PDB file of N, CA and C in Angstrom:
ATOM      1  N   MET A   1       0.842  -1.183   0.000  1.00  0.00           N
ATOM      2  CA  MET A   1       0.000   0.000   0.000  1.00  0.00           C
ATOM      3  C   MET A   1       0.889   1.249   0.000  1.00  0.00           C
ATOM      4  N   THR A   2       0.588   2.158  -0.887  1.00  0.00           N
ATOM      5  CA  THR A   2       1.360   3.386  -0.984  1.00  0.00           C
ATOM      6  C   THR A   2       0.655   4.533  -0.264  1.00  0.00           C
ATOM      7  N   ARG A   3       1.427   5.444   0.235  1.00  0.00           N
ATOM      8  CA  ARG A   3       0.862   6.629   0.890  1.00  0.00           C
ATOM      9  C   ARG A   3       0.848   7.815  -0.062  1.00  0.00           C
ATOM     10  N   PHE A   4       1.222   7.578  -1.328  1.00  0.00           N
ATOM     11  CA  PHE A   4       1.222   8.628  -2.329  1.00  0.00           C
ATOM     12  C   PHE A   4      -0.136   8.698  -3.018  1.00  0.00           C
ATOM     13  N   ALA A   5      -0.593   9.921  -3.268  1.00  0.00           N
ATOM     14  CA  ALA A   5      -1.863  10.104  -3.981  1.00  0.00           C
ATOM     15  C   ALA A   5      -1.685   9.691  -5.442  1.00  0.00           C
ATOM     16  N   PRO A   6      -2.711   9.096  -6.038  1.00  0.00           N
ATOM     17  CA  PRO A   6      -2.650   8.716  -7.459  1.00  0.00           C
ATOM     18  C   PRO A   6      -2.907   9.958  -8.322  1.00  0.00           C
ATOM     19  N   LEU A   7      -1.870  10.579  -8.794  1.00  0.00           N
ATOM     20  CA  LEU A   7      -2.008  11.877  -9.462  1.00  0.00           C
ATOM     21  C   LEU A   7      -2.033  11.749 -10.976  1.00  0.00           C
ATOM     22  N   PRO A   8      -2.813  12.621 -11.619  1.00  0.00           N
ATOM     23  CA  PRO A   8      -2.843  12.642 -13.084  1.00  0.00           C
ATOM     24  C   PRO A   8      -1.651  13.443 -13.616  1.00  0.00           C
ATOM     25  N   GLU A   9      -1.533  13.508 -14.910  1.00  0.00           N
ATOM     26  CA  GLU A   9      -0.554  14.407 -15.516  1.00  0.00           C
ATOM     27  C   GLU A   9      -0.971  15.842 -15.188  1.00  0.00           C
ATOM     28  N   PRO A  10      -0.010  16.722 -14.928  1.00  0.00           N
ATOM     29  CA  PRO A  10      -0.332  18.128 -14.671  1.00  0.00           C
ATOM     30  C   PRO A  10      -0.959  18.757 -15.910  1.00  0.00           C
ATOM     31  N   PRO A  11      -1.656  19.857 -15.715  1.00  0.00           N
ATOM     32  CA  PRO A  11      -1.748  20.669 -14.507  1.00  0.00           C
ATOM     33  C   PRO A  11      -2.881  20.219 -13.575  1.00  0.00           C
ATOM     34  N   TYR A  12      -2.693  20.493 -12.304  1.00  0.00           N
ATOM     35  CA  TYR A  12      -3.699  20.319 -11.261  1.00  0.00           C
ATOM     36  C   TYR A  12      -3.260  21.205 -10.108  1.00  0.00           C
ATOM     37  N   TYR A  13      -4.065  21.278  -9.064  1.00  0.00           N
ATOM     38  CA  TYR A  13      -3.765  22.152  -7.935  1.00  0.00           C
ATOM     39  C   TYR A  13      -3.430  21.349  -6.686  1.00  0.00           C
ATOM     40  N   ALA A  14      -2.556  21.927  -5.866  1.00  0.00           N
ATOM     41  CA  ALA A  14      -2.186  21.331  -4.584  1.00  0.00           C
ATOM     42  C   ALA A  14      -2.470  22.349  -3.483  1.00  0.00           C
ATOM     43  N   VAL A  15      -3.151  21.902  -2.430  1.00  0.00           N
ATOM     44  CA  VAL A  15      -3.367  22.717  -1.237  1.00  0.00           C
ATOM     45  C   VAL A  15      -2.458  22.127  -0.163  1.00  0.00           C
ATOM     46  N   ILE A  16      -1.497  22.912   0.279  1.00  0.00           N
ATOM     47  CA  ILE A  16      -0.475  22.454   1.223  1.00  0.00           C
ATOM     48  C   ILE A  16      -0.782  23.073   2.583  1.00  0.00           C
ATOM     49  N   PHE A  17      -1.141  22.222   3.532  1.00  0.00           N
ATOM     50  CA  PHE A  17      -1.523  22.671   4.868  1.00  0.00           C
ATOM     51  C   PHE A  17      -0.497  22.162   5.865  1.00  0.00           C
ATOM     52  N   THR A  18       0.232  23.082   6.474  1.00  0.00           N
ATOM     53  CA  THR A  18       1.245  22.746   7.474  1.00  0.00           C
ATOM     54  C   THR A  18       0.763  23.290   8.807  1.00  0.00           C
ATOM     55  N   ALA A  19       0.744  22.446   9.843  1.00  0.00           N
ATOM     56  CA  ALA A  19       0.194  22.886  11.127  1.00  0.00           C
ATOM     57  C   ALA A  19       0.948  22.275  12.298  1.00  0.00           C
ATOM     58  N   GLN A  20       1.039  23.066  13.339  1.00  0.00           N
ATOM     59  CA  GLN A  20       1.560  22.599  14.620  1.00  0.00           C
ATOM     60  C   GLN A  20       0.373  22.370  15.534  1.00  0.00           C
ATOM     61  N   ARG A  21       0.156  21.114  15.935  1.00  0.00           N
ATOM     62  CA  ARG A  21      -0.966  20.753  16.803  1.00  0.00           C
ATOM     63  C   ARG A  21      -0.701  21.149  18.239  1.00  0.00           C
ATOM     64  N   ARG A  22      -1.792  21.441  18.942  1.00  0.00           N
ATOM     65  CA  ARG A  22      -1.732  21.612  20.398  1.00  0.00           C
ATOM     66  C   ARG A  22      -1.757  20.226  21.036  1.00  0.00           C
ATOM     67  N   GLU A  23      -1.499  20.163  22.327  1.00  0.00           N
ATOM     68  CA  GLU A  23      -1.530  18.912  23.083  1.00  0.00           C
ATOM     69  C   GLU A  23      -2.954  18.354  23.129  1.00  0.00           C
ATOM     70  N   GLY A  24      -3.079  17.039  23.141  1.00  0.00           N
ATOM     71  CA  GLY A  24      -4.382  16.384  23.290  1.00  0.00           C
ATOM     72  C   GLY A  24      -5.134  16.276  21.981  1.00  0.00           C
ATOM     73  N   ASP A  25      -6.023  15.294  21.905  1.00  0.00           N
ATOM     74  CA  ASP A  25      -6.776  15.049  20.682  1.00  0.00           C
ATOM     75  C   ASP A  25      -7.984  15.968  20.541  1.00  0.00           C
ATOM     76  N   GLN A  26      -8.796  16.070  21.574  1.00  0.00           N
ATOM     77  CA  GLN A  26      -9.976  16.935  21.602  1.00  0.00           C
ATOM     78  C   GLN A  26     -10.864  16.782  20.361  1.00  0.00           C
ATOM     79  N   GLY A  27     -10.992  15.543  19.879  1.00  0.00           N
ATOM     80  CA  GLY A  27     -11.840  15.270  18.726  1.00  0.00           C
ATOM     81  C   GLY A  27     -11.157  15.439  17.385  1.00  0.00           C
ATOM     82  N   TYR A  28      -9.874  15.759  17.399  1.00  0.00           N
ATOM     83  CA  TYR A  28      -9.146  16.014  16.157  1.00  0.00           C
ATOM     84  C   TYR A  28      -9.112  14.785  15.241  1.00  0.00           C
ATOM     85  N   GLY A  29      -8.754  13.633  15.793  1.00  0.00           N
ATOM     86  CA  GLY A  29      -8.609  12.428  14.978  1.00  0.00           C
ATOM     87  C   GLY A  29      -9.871  12.079  14.204  1.00  0.00           C
ATOM     88  N   ALA A  30     -11.004  12.121  14.887  1.00  0.00           N
ATOM     89  CA  ALA A  30     -12.276  11.807  14.230  1.00  0.00           C
ATOM     90  C   ALA A  30     -12.598  12.826  13.145  1.00  0.00           C
ATOM     91  N   MET A  31     -12.347  14.096  13.421  1.00  0.00           N
ATOM     92  CA  MET A  31     -12.634  15.131  12.430  1.00  0.00           C
ATOM     93  C   MET A  31     -11.689  15.004  11.241  1.00  0.00           C
ATOM     94  N   ALA A  32     -10.423  14.720  11.481  1.00  0.00           N
ATOM     95  CA  ALA A  32      -9.478  14.558  10.376  1.00  0.00           C
ATOM     96  C   ALA A  32      -9.902  13.411   9.465  1.00  0.00           C
ATOM     97  N   ASP A  33     -10.311  12.295  10.059  1.00  0.00           N
ATOM     98  CA  ASP A  33     -10.796  11.156   9.270  1.00  0.00           C
ATOM     99  C   ASP A  33     -12.026  11.543   8.461  1.00  0.00           C
ATOM    100  N   ARG A  34     -12.928  12.292   9.074  1.00  0.00           N
ATOM    101  CA  ARG A  34     -14.143  12.721   8.381  1.00  0.00           C
ATOM    102  C   ARG A  34     -13.819  13.660   7.220  1.00  0.00           C
ATOM    103  N   MET A  35     -12.846  14.552   7.406  1.00  0.00           N
ATOM    104  CA  MET A  35     -12.494  15.485   6.336  1.00  0.00           C
ATOM    105  C   MET A  35     -11.905  14.744   5.137  1.00  0.00           C
ATOM    106  N   VAL A  36     -11.108  13.716   5.383  1.00  0.00           N
ATOM    107  CA  VAL A  36     -10.552  12.921   4.284  1.00  0.00           C
ATOM    108  C   VAL A  36     -11.690  12.228   3.534  1.00  0.00           C
ATOM    109  N   GLU A  37     -12.608  11.650   4.279  1.00  0.00           N
ATOM    110  CA  GLU A  37     -13.767  10.970   3.680  1.00  0.00           C
ATOM    111  C   GLU A  37     -14.633  11.955   2.888  1.00  0.00           C
ATOM    112  N   LEU A  38     -14.909  13.104   3.472  1.00  0.00           N
ATOM    113  CA  LEU A  38     -15.758  14.106   2.837  1.00  0.00           C
ATOM    114  C   LEU A  38     -15.098  14.688   1.592  1.00  0.00           C
ATOM    115  N   ALA A  39     -13.818  15.002   1.685  1.00  0.00           N
ATOM    116  CA  ALA A  39     -13.100  15.558   0.534  1.00  0.00           C
ATOM    117  C   ALA A  39     -13.115  14.586  -0.637  1.00  0.00           C
ATOM    118  N   ALA A  40     -12.942  13.299  -0.337  1.00  0.00           N
ATOM    119  CA  ALA A  40     -12.901  12.285  -1.391  1.00  0.00           C
ATOM    120  C   ALA A  40     -14.191  12.230  -2.205  1.00  0.00           C
ATOM    121  N   GLY A  41     -15.293  12.696  -1.634  1.00  0.00           N
ATOM    122  CA  GLY A  41     -16.568  12.709  -2.343  1.00  0.00           C
ATOM    123  C   GLY A  41     -16.852  13.992  -3.097  1.00  0.00           C
ATOM    124  N   GLN A  42     -15.932  14.948  -3.035  1.00  0.00           N
ATOM    125  CA  GLN A  42     -16.158  16.244  -3.679  1.00  0.00           C
ATOM    126  C   GLN A  42     -15.760  16.202  -5.153  1.00  0.00           C
ATOM    127  N   PRO A  43     -16.536  16.883  -6.000  1.00  0.00           N
ATOM    128  CA  PRO A  43     -16.151  16.980  -7.413  1.00  0.00           C
ATOM    129  C   PRO A  43     -14.773  17.627  -7.545  1.00  0.00           C
ATOM    130  N   GLY A  44     -13.935  17.047  -8.382  1.00  0.00           N
ATOM    131  CA  GLY A  44     -12.616  17.607  -8.638  1.00  0.00           C
ATOM    132  C   GLY A  44     -11.532  17.146  -7.689  1.00  0.00           C
ATOM    133  N   TYR A  45     -11.884  16.358  -6.673  1.00  0.00           N
ATOM    134  CA  TYR A  45     -10.890  15.831  -5.737  1.00  0.00           C
ATOM    135  C   TYR A  45     -10.043  14.773  -6.435  1.00  0.00           C
ATOM    136  N   ILE A  46      -8.723  14.833  -6.220  1.00  0.00           N
ATOM    137  CA  ILE A  46      -7.818  13.853  -6.823  1.00  0.00           C
ATOM    138  C   ILE A  46      -7.248  12.913  -5.773  1.00  0.00           C
ATOM    139  N   GLY A  47      -6.757  13.462  -4.655  1.00  0.00           N
ATOM    140  CA  GLY A  47      -6.143  12.619  -3.636  1.00  0.00           C
ATOM    141  C   GLY A  47      -5.521  13.443  -2.533  1.00  0.00           C
ATOM    142  N   ILE A  48      -4.897  12.744  -1.578  1.00  0.00           N
ATOM    143  CA  ILE A  48      -4.320  13.415  -0.409  1.00  0.00           C
ATOM    144  C   ILE A  48      -3.080  12.657   0.050  1.00  0.00           C
ATOM    145  N   GLU A  49      -2.120  13.403   0.591  1.00  0.00           N
ATOM    146  CA  GLU A  49      -0.935  12.844   1.229  1.00  0.00           C
ATOM    147  C   GLU A  49      -0.757  13.588   2.546  1.00  0.00           C
ATOM    148  N   SER A  50      -0.454  12.849   3.610  1.00  0.00           N
ATOM    149  CA  SER A  50      -0.372  13.490   4.919  1.00  0.00           C
ATOM    150  C   SER A  50       0.639  12.787   5.803  1.00  0.00           C
ATOM    151  N   THR A  51       1.318  13.576   6.630  1.00  0.00           N
ATOM    152  CA  THR A  51       2.259  13.019   7.599  1.00  0.00           C
ATOM    153  C   THR A  51       2.317  13.931   8.817  1.00  0.00           C
ATOM    154  N   ARG A  52       2.689  13.353   9.963  1.00  0.00           N
ATOM    155  CA  ARG A  52       2.805  14.117  11.205  1.00  0.00           C
ATOM    156  C   ARG A  52       3.971  13.549  11.998  1.00  0.00           C
ATOM    157  N   ASP A  53       4.787  14.443  12.583  1.00  0.00           N
ATOM    158  CA  ASP A  53       5.898  13.958  13.388  1.00  0.00           C
ATOM    159  C   ASP A  53       5.487  13.830  14.854  1.00  0.00           C
ATOM    160  N   ALA A  54       6.385  13.314  15.666  1.00  0.00           N
ATOM    161  CA  ALA A  54       6.101  13.053  17.080  1.00  0.00           C
ATOM    162  C   ALA A  54       5.852  14.331  17.883  1.00  0.00           C
ATOM    163  N   ASP A  55       6.326  15.459  17.370  1.00  0.00           N
ATOM    164  CA  ASP A  55       6.138  16.735  18.072  1.00  0.00           C
ATOM    165  C   ASP A  55       4.871  17.477  17.641  1.00  0.00           C
ATOM    166  N   GLY A  56       4.050  16.854  16.775  1.00  0.00           N
ATOM    167  CA  GLY A  56       2.779  17.445  16.389  1.00  0.00           C
ATOM    168  C   GLY A  56       2.798  18.312  15.145  1.00  0.00           C
ATOM    169  N   LEU A  57       3.950  18.398  14.446  1.00  0.00           N
ATOM    170  CA  LEU A  57       3.997  19.146  13.194  1.00  0.00           C
ATOM    171  C   LEU A  57       3.495  18.237  12.081  1.00  0.00           C
ATOM    172  N   GLY A  58       2.474  18.690  11.359  1.00  0.00           N
ATOM    173  CA  GLY A  58       1.906  17.887  10.289  1.00  0.00           C
ATOM    174  C   GLY A  58       1.862  18.644   8.985  1.00  0.00           C
ATOM    175  N   ILE A  59       1.963  17.897   7.900  1.00  0.00           N
ATOM    176  CA  ILE A  59       1.827  18.455   6.561  1.00  0.00           C
ATOM    177  C   ILE A  59       0.840  17.584   5.807  1.00  0.00           C
ATOM    178  N   THR A  60      -0.197  18.218   5.287  1.00  0.00           N
ATOM    179  CA  THR A  60      -1.194  17.536   4.472  1.00  0.00           C
ATOM    180  C   THR A  60      -1.287  18.262   3.147  1.00  0.00           C
ATOM    181  N   VAL A  61      -1.204  17.502   2.071  1.00  0.00           N
ATOM    182  CA  VAL A  61      -1.341  18.063   0.729  1.00  0.00           C
ATOM    183  C   VAL A  61      -2.543  17.393   0.077  1.00  0.00           C
ATOM    184  N   SER A  62      -3.529  18.208  -0.276  1.00  0.00           N
ATOM    185  CA  SER A  62      -4.661  17.669  -1.025  1.00  0.00           C
ATOM    186  C   SER A  62      -4.559  18.178  -2.458  1.00  0.00           C
ATOM    187  N   TYR A  63      -4.998  17.330  -3.393  1.00  0.00           N
ATOM    188  CA  TYR A  63      -4.853  17.627  -4.812  1.00  0.00           C
ATOM    189  C   TYR A  63      -6.236  17.759  -5.452  1.00  0.00           C
ATOM    190  N   TRP A  64      -6.361  18.739  -6.337  1.00  0.00           N
ATOM    191  CA  TRP A  64      -7.642  19.093  -6.947  1.00  0.00           C
ATOM    192  C   TRP A  64      -7.458  19.326  -8.436  1.00  0.00           C
ATOM    193  N   GLN A  65      -8.486  18.979  -9.207  1.00  0.00           N
ATOM    194  CA  GLN A  65      -8.419  19.117 -10.664  1.00  0.00           C
ATOM    195  C   GLN A  65      -8.263  20.561 -11.104  1.00  0.00           C
ATOM    196  N   ASP A  66      -8.959  21.467 -10.428  1.00  0.00           N
ATOM    197  CA  ASP A  66      -8.902  22.868 -10.838  1.00  0.00           C
ATOM    198  C   ASP A  66      -9.202  23.778  -9.649  1.00  0.00           C
ATOM    199  N   GLU A  67      -9.018  25.057  -9.856  1.00  0.00           N
ATOM    200  CA  GLU A  67      -9.199  26.019  -8.779  1.00  0.00           C
ATOM    201  C   GLU A  67     -10.654  26.085  -8.317  1.00  0.00           C
ATOM    202  N   ALA A  68     -11.591  25.908  -9.232  1.00  0.00           N
ATOM    203  CA  ALA A  68     -13.013  25.932  -8.861  1.00  0.00           C
ATOM    204  C   ALA A  68     -13.332  24.807  -7.867  1.00  0.00           C
ATOM    205  N   ALA A  69     -12.750  23.632  -8.066  1.00  0.00           N
ATOM    206  CA  ALA A  69     -12.995  22.496  -7.166  1.00  0.00           C
ATOM    207  C   ALA A  69     -12.461  22.775  -5.773  1.00  0.00           C
ATOM    208  N   LEU A  70     -11.267  23.326  -5.680  1.00  0.00           N
ATOM    209  CA  LEU A  70     -10.731  23.577  -4.341  1.00  0.00           C
ATOM    210  C   LEU A  70     -11.454  24.729  -3.649  1.00  0.00           C
ATOM    211  N   LYS A  71     -11.922  25.705  -4.405  1.00  0.00           N
ATOM    212  CA  LYS A  71     -12.719  26.787  -3.805  1.00  0.00           C
ATOM    213  C   LYS A  71     -14.059  26.249  -3.298  1.00  0.00           C
ATOM    214  N   ALA A  72     -14.658  25.328  -4.029  1.00  0.00           N
ATOM    215  CA  ALA A  72     -15.920  24.725  -3.592  1.00  0.00           C
ATOM    216  C   ALA A  72     -15.703  23.919  -2.309  1.00  0.00           C
ATOM    217  N   TRP A  73     -14.593  23.198  -2.216  1.00  0.00           N
ATOM    218  CA  TRP A  73     -14.274  22.424  -1.019  1.00  0.00           C
ATOM    219  C   TRP A  73     -14.147  23.327   0.195  1.00  0.00           C
ATOM    220  N   LYS A  74     -13.548  24.480   0.023  1.00  0.00           N
ATOM    221  CA  LYS A  74     -13.359  25.410   1.131  1.00  0.00           C
ATOM    222  C   LYS A  74     -14.696  25.851   1.730  1.00  0.00           C
ATOM    223  N   GLN A  75     -15.771  25.802   0.952  1.00  0.00           N
ATOM    224  CA  GLN A  75     -17.079  26.280   1.405  1.00  0.00           C
ATOM    225  C   GLN A  75     -18.019  25.189   1.911  1.00  0.00           C
ATOM    226  N   VAL A  76     -17.600  23.930   1.899  1.00  0.00           N
ATOM    227  CA  VAL A  76     -18.441  22.832   2.403  1.00  0.00           C
ATOM    228  C   VAL A  76     -18.658  23.046   3.905  1.00  0.00           C
ATOM    229  N   SER A  77     -19.917  22.979   4.356  1.00  0.00           N
ATOM    230  CA  SER A  77     -20.253  23.361   5.735  1.00  0.00           C
ATOM    231  C   SER A  77     -19.465  22.582   6.797  1.00  0.00           C
ATOM    232  N   GLU A  78     -19.325  21.273   6.637  1.00  0.00           N
ATOM    233  CA  GLU A  78     -18.553  20.503   7.625  1.00  0.00           C
ATOM    234  C   GLU A  78     -17.081  20.918   7.621  1.00  0.00           C
ATOM    235  N   HIS A  79     -16.577  21.263   6.451  1.00  0.00           N
ATOM    236  CA  HIS A  79     -15.191  21.720   6.348  1.00  0.00           C
ATOM    237  C   HIS A  79     -15.037  23.089   7.011  1.00  0.00           C
ATOM    238  N   LEU A  80     -16.028  23.945   6.863  1.00  0.00           N
ATOM    239  CA  LEU A  80     -16.006  25.251   7.543  1.00  0.00           C
ATOM    240  C   LEU A  80     -15.956  25.061   9.055  1.00  0.00           C
ATOM    241  N   LEU A  81     -16.718  24.102   9.583  1.00  0.00           N
ATOM    242  CA  LEU A  81     -16.682  23.808  11.015  1.00  0.00           C
ATOM    243  C   LEU A  81     -15.298  23.318  11.432  1.00  0.00           C
ATOM    244  N   ALA A  82     -14.709  22.426  10.635  1.00  0.00           N
ATOM    245  CA  ALA A  82     -13.363  21.924  10.948  1.00  0.00           C
ATOM    246  C   ALA A  82     -12.346  23.057  10.946  1.00  0.00           C
ATOM    247  N   GLN A  83     -12.480  23.989  10.008  1.00  0.00           N
ATOM    248  CA  GLN A  83     -11.578  25.141   9.960  1.00  0.00           C
ATOM    249  C   GLN A  83     -11.694  25.966  11.246  1.00  0.00           C
ATOM    250  N   LYS A  84     -12.926  26.189  11.680  1.00  0.00           N
ATOM    251  CA  LYS A  84     -13.158  26.978  12.891  1.00  0.00           C
ATOM    252  C   LYS A  84     -12.561  26.279  14.117  1.00  0.00           C
ATOM    253  N   LEU A  85     -12.800  24.972  14.235  1.00  0.00           N
ATOM    254  CA  LEU A  85     -12.256  24.220  15.363  1.00  0.00           C
ATOM    255  C   LEU A  85     -10.735  24.168  15.315  1.00  0.00           C
ATOM    256  N   GLY A  86     -10.184  24.105  14.122  1.00  0.00           N
ATOM    257  CA  GLY A  86      -8.735  24.126  13.989  1.00  0.00           C
ATOM    258  C   GLY A  86      -8.149  25.403  14.555  1.00  0.00           C
ATOM    259  N   LYS A  87      -8.783  26.518  14.233  1.00  0.00           N
ATOM    260  CA  LYS A  87      -8.303  27.816  14.715  1.00  0.00           C
ATOM    261  C   LYS A  87      -8.472  27.967  16.222  1.00  0.00           C
ATOM    262  N   THR A  88      -9.565  27.463  16.764  1.00  0.00           N
ATOM    263  CA  THR A  88      -9.868  27.699  18.178  1.00  0.00           C
ATOM    264  C   THR A  88      -9.413  26.585  19.112  1.00  0.00           C
ATOM    265  N   ARG A  89      -9.244  25.358  18.597  1.00  0.00           N
ATOM    266  CA  ARG A  89      -9.009  24.219  19.483  1.00  0.00           C
ATOM    267  C   ARG A  89      -7.736  23.428  19.173  1.00  0.00           C
ATOM    268  N   TRP A  90      -7.446  23.163  17.904  1.00  0.00           N
ATOM    269  CA  TRP A  90      -6.442  22.161  17.572  1.00  0.00           C
ATOM    270  C   TRP A  90      -5.072  22.689  17.204  1.00  0.00           C
ATOM    271  N   TYR A  91      -4.980  23.871  16.592  1.00  0.00           N
ATOM    272  CA  TYR A  91      -3.703  24.303  16.043  1.00  0.00           C
ATOM    273  C   TYR A  91      -3.088  25.454  16.827  1.00  0.00           C
ATOM    274  N   GLU A  92      -1.824  25.276  17.133  1.00  0.00           N
ATOM    275  CA  GLU A  92      -1.033  26.341  17.734  1.00  0.00           C
ATOM    276  C   GLU A  92      -0.665  27.356  16.652  1.00  0.00           C
ATOM    277  N   HIS A  93      -0.355  26.850  15.459  1.00  0.00           N
ATOM    278  CA  HIS A  93      -0.003  27.680  14.301  1.00  0.00           C
ATOM    279  C   HIS A  93      -0.242  26.852  13.047  1.00  0.00           C
ATOM    280  N   TYR A  94      -0.616  27.516  11.953  1.00  0.00           N
ATOM    281  CA  TYR A  94      -0.746  26.806  10.676  1.00  0.00           C
ATOM    282  C   TYR A  94      -0.460  27.747   9.519  1.00  0.00           C
ATOM    283  N   THR A  95      -0.129  27.161   8.396  1.00  0.00           N
ATOM    284  CA  THR A  95       0.074  27.886   7.145  1.00  0.00           C
ATOM    285  C   THR A  95      -0.590  27.080   6.040  1.00  0.00           C
ATOM    286  N   LEU A  96      -1.290  27.780   5.161  1.00  0.00           N
ATOM    287  CA  LEU A  96      -1.938  27.139   4.022  1.00  0.00           C
ATOM    288  C   LEU A  96      -1.403  27.778   2.752  1.00  0.00           C
ATOM    289  N   ARG A  97      -1.032  26.938   1.813  1.00  0.00           N
ATOM    290  CA  ARG A  97      -0.529  27.410   0.530  1.00  0.00           C
ATOM    291  C   ARG A  97      -1.300  26.706  -0.582  1.00  0.00           C
ATOM    292  N   VAL A  98      -1.584  27.426  -1.650  1.00  0.00           N
ATOM    293  CA  VAL A  98      -2.238  26.845  -2.820  1.00  0.00           C
ATOM    294  C   VAL A  98      -1.280  27.011  -3.993  1.00  0.00           C
ATOM    295  N   ALA A  99      -1.035  25.914  -4.704  1.00  0.00           N
ATOM    296  CA  ALA A  99      -0.095  25.944  -5.815  1.00  0.00           C
ATOM    297  C   ALA A  99      -0.673  25.225  -7.028  1.00  0.00           C
ATOM    298  N   LYS A 100      -0.376  25.748  -8.185  1.00  0.00           N
ATOM    299  CA  LYS A 100      -0.717  25.056  -9.430  1.00  0.00           C
ATOM    300  C   LYS A 100       0.485  24.212  -9.818  1.00  0.00           C
ATOM    301  N   VAL A 101       0.267  22.912  -9.941  1.00  0.00           N
ATOM    302  CA  VAL A 101       1.334  21.989 -10.312  1.00  0.00           C
ATOM    303  C   VAL A 101       1.406  21.952 -11.835  1.00  0.00           C
ATOM    304  N   GLU A 102       2.549  22.343 -12.354  1.00  0.00           N
ATOM    305  CA  GLU A 102       2.734  22.371 -13.806  1.00  0.00           C
ATOM    306  C   GLU A 102       3.627  21.239 -14.308  1.00  0.00           C
ATOM    307  N   ARG A 103       4.493  20.734 -13.415  1.00  0.00           N
ATOM    308  CA  ARG A 103       5.353  19.597 -13.738  1.00  0.00           C
ATOM    309  C   ARG A 103       5.406  18.692 -12.526  1.00  0.00           C
ATOM    310  N   ALA A 104       5.515  17.389 -12.768  1.00  0.00           N
ATOM    311  CA  ALA A 104       5.642  16.419 -11.681  1.00  0.00           C
ATOM    312  C   ALA A 104       6.468  15.244 -12.189  1.00  0.00           C
ATOM    313  N   TYR A 105       7.300  14.702 -11.313  1.00  0.00           N
ATOM    314  CA  TYR A 105       8.161  13.586 -11.665  1.00  0.00           C
ATOM    315  C   TYR A 105       8.054  12.533 -10.582  1.00  0.00           C
ATOM    316  N   ASP A 106       8.083  11.263 -10.983  1.00  0.00           N
ATOM    317  CA  ASP A 106       8.107  10.160 -10.039  1.00  0.00           C
ATOM    318  C   ASP A 106       9.489   9.526 -10.086  1.00  0.00           C
ATOM    319  N   GLY A 107       9.914   8.966  -8.985  1.00  0.00           N
ATOM    320  CA  GLY A 107      11.211   8.295  -8.953  1.00  0.00           C
ATOM    321  C   GLY A 107      11.027   6.861  -8.517  1.00  0.00           C
ATOM    322  N   PRO A 108      11.981   6.021  -8.679  1.00  0.00           N
ATOM    323  CA  PRO A 108      13.280   6.366  -9.227  1.00  0.00           C
ATOM    324  C   PRO A 108      13.297   6.453 -10.742  1.00  0.00           C
ATOM    325  N   GLU A 109      12.285   5.952 -11.434  1.00  0.00           N
ATOM    326  CA  GLU A 109      12.298   5.974 -12.900  1.00  0.00           C
ATOM    327  C   GLU A 109      12.031   7.355 -13.484  1.00  0.00           C
ATOM    328  N   GLY A 110      11.248   8.187 -12.771  1.00  0.00           N
ATOM    329  CA  GLY A 110      10.835   9.477 -13.313  1.00  0.00           C
ATOM    330  C   GLY A 110       9.582   9.347 -14.131  1.00  0.00           C
ATOM    331  N   ARG A 111       8.970  10.466 -14.401  1.00  0.00           N
ATOM    332  CA  ARG A 111       7.737  10.456 -15.187  1.00  0.00           C
ATOM    333  C   ARG A 111       8.020  11.056 -16.525  1.00  0.00           C
TER     334      ARG A 111
END
């Protein structure tokens, strides 16, 4: 089983979310699982890759077919609630970046 998202040929969009978690779960795990499930059902969703270290720093990259799809995802009501809880309960600090992927390579063979 791979932890890499099954990506198409570019172009597509990547939403890069880097966050430092606060101590304790406080419902975070269940909400994170729900967001992955919910995102997967959204039009234009391609996939997700996520990792977290022992100190609570996590990076999640979600991939979207186009900018309209990722903007629509941002407005999903359950996702809006998760965003609010992230700001007030779960994250000490976070940064969100949106990028258009124009080239991508796989290794070791390359794409």
